[in-house]
Amino acid sequence: MAVIAADQALAREDFEEAKRLIRLIGKADPNHPALGRLKTSLASSEAAAKKRAESMPAEDEAKRKAELAKQREEDQKKLQEQQRQQQAQAEQQRQQQAAAEAEAERLRQQQAAAAEAERQRQQQATQQAAQQQTAAPAPRPAAATTELRPISQPGPKYPPAAQRAGAGGSVQVEYTVGTDGSVISARVVSSDAPRQFQRDFEREALAAVKRWRFQPVAQPVTSRRTIEFAM
């Protein structure tokens, strides 16, 4: 930008302004590629202006200098206005950046507050659930069922030999029912039958009892039953 301004100053033969700008360029960058050209243009332009001034009437020279001074003043005002606008723009950008940072911080705090509120809500819900669970009475265990409820009790087969002989009798059996309702063991406690048919009656009585089925029970149950054989 300084190079363009220096070229413009040389074009209007404002050599003082051109010298000032060339000094600024040299101070900022002694190796600037346009520095040599500007110095050469300054020297040639000054020489041409001096030669022209020698042949120009004094009144015209004074008028030219006045115009240059006026132009320099206007350029200075433009430069100041540009600087003011740049400063105003920079200040506006700074304010916008500050507002954006403030808004981001507000959103961050809002999100943090919402997260904390949710954490407290969940913690409170967990505590309430724990309190309710502690306060609730423990479920009472189901009463153990030991009563035998028959599902199927098929009768015994009549021994053929005893049936042909017209003999009868009875057998008392002790049996144990498992938790699934089946008879898991059975034994003869006593029997009342003719001696020659006693084993037949006991065998059929045990076979019948072992086929019995009951509803499931909480624990094994032992009971006794008398099986009758009668014609």
Protein backbone atom coordinates (compact mmCIF):
# COMPACT_ATOMS: atom_id res chain seq x y z
CA MET A 1 0.00 0.00 0.00
CA ALA A 2 2.90 2.37 0.78
CA VAL A 3 4.43 1.66 -2.65
CA ILE A 4 1.19 2.66 -4.40
CA ALA A 5 0.95 5.81 -2.31
CA ALA A 6 4.56 6.69 -3.17
CA ASP A 7 3.86 6.22 -6.90
CA GLN A 8 0.80 8.46 -6.60
CA ALA A 9 2.84 11.14 -4.78
CA LEU A 10 5.47 11.03 -7.54
CA ALA A 11 2.78 11.28 -10.21
CA ARG A 12 1.44 14.50 -8.73
CA GLU A 13 5.01 15.71 -8.02
CA ASP A 14 4.49 15.76 -4.26
CA PHE A 15 8.14 15.01 -3.60
CA GLU A 16 8.04 15.62 0.16
CA GLU A 17 5.31 13.02 0.58
CA ALA A 18 7.10 10.66 -1.80
CA LYS A 19 10.33 10.98 0.21
CA ARG A 20 8.48 10.29 3.46
CA LEU A 21 6.87 7.18 2.04
CA ILE A 22 10.13 5.93 0.54
CA ARG A 23 11.81 6.33 3.94
CA LEU A 24 9.01 4.32 5.56
CA ILE A 25 9.39 1.55 2.98
CA GLY A 26 13.16 1.44 3.45
CA LYS A 27 12.83 1.36 7.21
CA ALA A 28 10.31 -1.49 7.09
CA ASP A 29 12.21 -3.52 4.47
CA PRO A 30 15.63 -2.28 3.27
CA ASN A 31 15.60 -4.94 0.54
CA HIS A 32 12.14 -4.14 -0.81
CA PRO A 33 12.16 -4.77 -4.60
CA ALA A 34 10.38 -1.46 -5.36
CA LEU A 35 12.74 0.66 -3.27
CA GLY A 36 15.36 1.19 -5.99
CA ARG A 37 12.76 2.04 -8.63
CA LEU A 38 11.06 4.56 -6.35
CA LYS A 39 14.35 6.31 -5.54
CA THR A 40 15.25 6.49 -9.23
CA SER A 41 11.80 7.83 -10.12
CA LEU A 42 12.09 10.39 -7.32
CA ALA A 43 15.42 11.67 -8.57
CA SER A 44 14.32 11.90 -12.20
CA SER A 45 10.99 13.49 -11.29
CA GLU A 46 12.67 16.09 -9.08
CA ALA A 47 15.13 16.93 -11.84
CA ALA A 48 12.36 17.29 -14.39
CA ALA A 49 10.29 19.43 -12.03
CA LYS A 50 13.26 21.64 -11.23
CA LYS A 51 14.00 22.15 -14.90
CA ARG A 52 10.37 22.95 -15.60
CA ALA A 53 10.22 25.34 -12.65
CA GLU A 54 13.18 27.29 -14.00
CA SER A 55 11.26 27.98 -17.18
CA MET A 56 7.88 28.47 -15.42
CA PRO A 57 6.73 31.89 -14.22
CA ALA A 58 6.91 32.40 -10.46
CA GLU A 59 3.15 32.81 -10.24
CA ASP A 60 2.50 29.44 -11.86
CA GLU A 61 5.07 27.76 -9.62
CA ALA A 62 3.42 29.21 -6.53
CA LYS A 63 0.03 28.02 -7.76
CA ARG A 64 1.39 24.54 -8.37
CA LYS A 65 2.87 24.38 -4.88
CA ALA A 66 -0.43 25.51 -3.37
CA GLU A 67 -2.27 22.80 -5.25
CA LEU A 68 0.27 20.26 -4.05
CA ALA A 69 -0.17 21.39 -0.46
CA LYS A 70 -3.95 21.16 -0.80
CA GLN A 71 -3.68 17.72 -2.35
CA ARG A 72 -1.31 16.62 0.41
CA GLU A 73 -3.78 17.79 3.03
CA GLU A 74 -6.64 15.94 1.35
CA ASP A 75 -4.54 12.80 1.09
CA GLN A 76 -3.66 13.10 4.75
CA LYS A 77 -7.34 13.38 5.64
CA LYS A 78 -8.15 10.34 3.50
CA LEU A 79 -5.38 8.40 5.19
CA GLN A 80 -6.64 9.39 8.62
CA GLU A 81 -10.18 8.41 7.63
CA GLN A 82 -8.95 5.04 6.37
CA GLN A 83 -7.07 4.50 9.62
CA ARG A 84 -10.15 5.48 11.62
CA GLN A 85 -12.31 3.07 9.64
CA GLN A 86 -9.76 0.30 10.08
CA GLN A 87 -9.63 0.94 13.82
CA ALA A 88 -13.44 0.98 14.00
CA GLN A 89 -13.61 -2.26 12.04
CA ALA A 90 -10.99 -3.86 14.28
CA GLU A 91 -12.91 -2.71 17.37
CA GLN A 92 -16.14 -4.10 15.94
CA GLN A 93 -14.47 -7.44 15.24
CA ARG A 94 -13.04 -7.45 18.76
CA GLN A 95 -16.49 -6.79 20.23
CA GLN A 96 -18.05 -9.51 18.06
CA GLN A 97 -15.35 -11.95 19.15
CA ALA A 98 -15.91 -11.03 22.80
CA ALA A 99 -19.68 -11.45 22.38
CA ALA A 100 -19.19 -14.85 20.72
CA GLU A 101 -16.88 -15.99 23.53
CA ALA A 102 -19.37 -14.75 26.14
CA GLU A 103 -22.21 -16.63 24.41
CA ALA A 104 -20.10 -19.79 24.22
CA GLU A 105 -19.32 -19.49 27.93
CA ARG A 106 -23.00 -18.95 28.72
CA LEU A 107 -23.96 -22.07 26.76
CA ARG A 108 -21.21 -24.06 28.47
CA GLN A 109 -22.42 -22.99 31.90
CA GLN A 110 -26.03 -23.74 30.91
CA GLN A 111 -25.08 -27.24 29.73
CA ALA A 112 -23.04 -27.83 32.87
CA ALA A 113 -25.98 -26.72 35.04
CA ALA A 114 -28.36 -29.01 33.12
CA ALA A 115 -25.96 -31.94 33.47
CA GLU A 116 -25.61 -31.31 37.20
CA ALA A 117 -29.39 -31.08 37.61
CA GLU A 118 -29.83 -34.38 35.75
CA ARG A 119 -27.14 -36.01 37.89
CA GLN A 120 -28.85 -34.84 41.08
CA ARG A 121 -32.24 -36.01 39.76
CA GLN A 122 -30.88 -39.48 39.02
CA GLN A 123 -29.13 -39.61 42.39
CA GLN A 124 -32.35 -38.61 44.16
CA ALA A 125 -34.34 -41.21 42.20
CA THR A 126 -31.78 -43.88 43.14
CA GLN A 127 -31.95 -42.89 46.80
CA GLN A 128 -35.76 -42.93 46.78
CA ALA A 129 -35.80 -46.35 45.14
CA ALA A 130 -33.35 -47.65 47.74
CA GLN A 131 -35.46 -46.19 50.57
CA GLN A 132 -38.64 -47.72 49.16
CA GLN A 133 -36.94 -51.07 48.77
CA THR A 134 -35.69 -50.89 52.35
CA ALA A 135 -39.10 -49.86 53.68
CA ALA A 136 -41.03 -52.49 51.73
CA PRO A 137 -41.70 -55.64 53.79
CA ALA A 138 -39.87 -58.71 52.65
CA PRO A 139 -42.11 -61.11 50.77
CA ARG A 140 -43.34 -63.92 52.96
CA PRO A 141 -42.21 -67.34 51.82
CA ALA A 142 -44.93 -69.59 50.56
CA ALA A 143 -46.16 -72.00 53.14
CA ALA A 144 -44.70 -75.45 52.71
CA THR A 145 -47.34 -77.88 51.44
CA THR A 146 -47.16 -81.33 53.01
CA GLU A 147 -50.71 -82.45 52.36
CA LEU A 148 -50.92 -85.20 49.77
CA ARG A 149 -53.44 -84.43 47.05
CA PRO A 150 -53.88 -87.39 44.72
CA ILE A 151 -53.99 -86.97 40.97
CA SER A 152 -54.07 -90.63 39.99
CA GLN A 153 -54.41 -93.72 42.22
CA PRO A 154 -55.00 -96.82 40.04
CA GLY A 155 -56.08 -99.92 41.92
CA PRO A 156 -54.01 -103.10 42.20
CA LYS A 157 -54.32 -106.05 39.88
CA TYR A 158 -55.95 -109.08 41.47
CA PRO A 159 -53.55 -112.04 41.55
CA PRO A 160 -55.00 -114.66 39.12
CA ALA A 161 -54.34 -117.65 41.40
CA ALA A 162 -56.01 -115.96 44.38
CA GLN A 163 -58.89 -114.88 42.19
CA ARG A 164 -59.43 -118.45 40.95
CA ALA A 165 -59.31 -119.71 44.52
CA GLY A 166 -61.73 -117.00 45.67
CA ALA A 167 -59.17 -115.79 48.25
CA GLY A 168 -58.98 -112.20 49.52
CA GLY A 169 -56.80 -110.16 51.86
CA SER A 170 -55.24 -106.78 52.64
CA VAL A 171 -51.74 -105.26 52.56
CA GLN A 172 -50.59 -102.17 54.49
CA VAL A 173 -48.00 -100.20 52.47
CA GLU A 174 -45.78 -97.33 53.61
CA TYR A 175 -44.78 -95.04 50.73
CA THR A 176 -42.88 -91.78 50.25
CA VAL A 177 -43.94 -89.11 47.74
CA GLY A 178 -41.21 -86.90 46.24
CA THR A 179 -41.48 -83.15 45.57
CA ASP A 180 -42.61 -83.81 41.99
CA GLY A 181 -45.60 -85.85 43.23
CA SER A 182 -44.33 -89.30 42.25
CA VAL A 183 -43.86 -92.22 44.66
CA ILE A 184 -40.14 -92.58 45.16
CA SER A 185 -40.23 -95.56 47.55
CA ALA A 186 -42.70 -98.08 48.95
CA ARG A 187 -42.53 -101.04 51.38
CA VAL A 188 -44.91 -103.53 52.95
CA VAL A 189 -45.61 -102.87 56.61
CA SER A 190 -47.97 -105.79 57.17
CA SER A 191 -50.30 -108.09 55.26
CA ASP A 192 -53.39 -110.14 56.08
CA ALA A 193 -53.88 -112.83 53.44
CA PRO A 194 -53.71 -116.62 53.07
CA ARG A 195 -50.12 -117.73 53.31
CA GLN A 196 -49.96 -119.23 49.81
CA PHE A 197 -51.17 -115.93 48.23
CA GLN A 198 -49.44 -113.46 50.58
CA ARG A 199 -46.50 -112.64 48.28
CA ASP A 200 -48.82 -112.19 45.29
CA PHE A 201 -50.97 -109.69 47.18
CA GLU A 202 -47.89 -107.77 48.45
CA ARG A 203 -46.35 -107.63 44.96
CA GLU A 204 -49.50 -106.25 43.34
CA ALA A 205 -50.08 -103.80 46.21
CA LEU A 206 -46.55 -102.35 45.86
CA ALA A 207 -46.88 -102.17 42.05
CA ALA A 208 -50.14 -100.26 42.34
CA VAL A 209 -48.82 -97.77 44.93
CA LYS A 210 -45.72 -97.03 42.84
CA ARG A 211 -47.98 -95.95 39.97
CA TRP A 212 -49.77 -93.36 42.09
CA ARG A 213 -49.31 -89.63 41.32
CA PHE A 214 -49.89 -86.62 43.58
CA GLN A 215 -49.65 -82.85 43.25
CA PRO A 216 -46.10 -81.53 43.88
CA VAL A 217 -45.18 -80.96 47.52
CA ALA A 218 -42.61 -78.71 49.20
CA GLN A 219 -40.72 -81.67 50.64
CA PRO A 220 -40.96 -85.47 50.54
CA VAL A 221 -43.95 -86.86 52.49
CA THR A 222 -44.29 -90.38 53.89
CA SER A 223 -47.67 -91.97 54.45
CA ARG A 224 -49.36 -95.38 54.86
CA ARG A 225 -52.32 -96.99 53.13
CA THR A 226 -54.07 -100.36 53.41
CA ILE A 227 -54.78 -101.97 50.06
CA GLU A 228 -57.82 -104.27 50.10
CA PHE A 229 -58.24 -107.34 47.85
CA ALA A 230 -61.83 -108.61 47.92
CA MET A 231 -63.94 -110.66 45.53
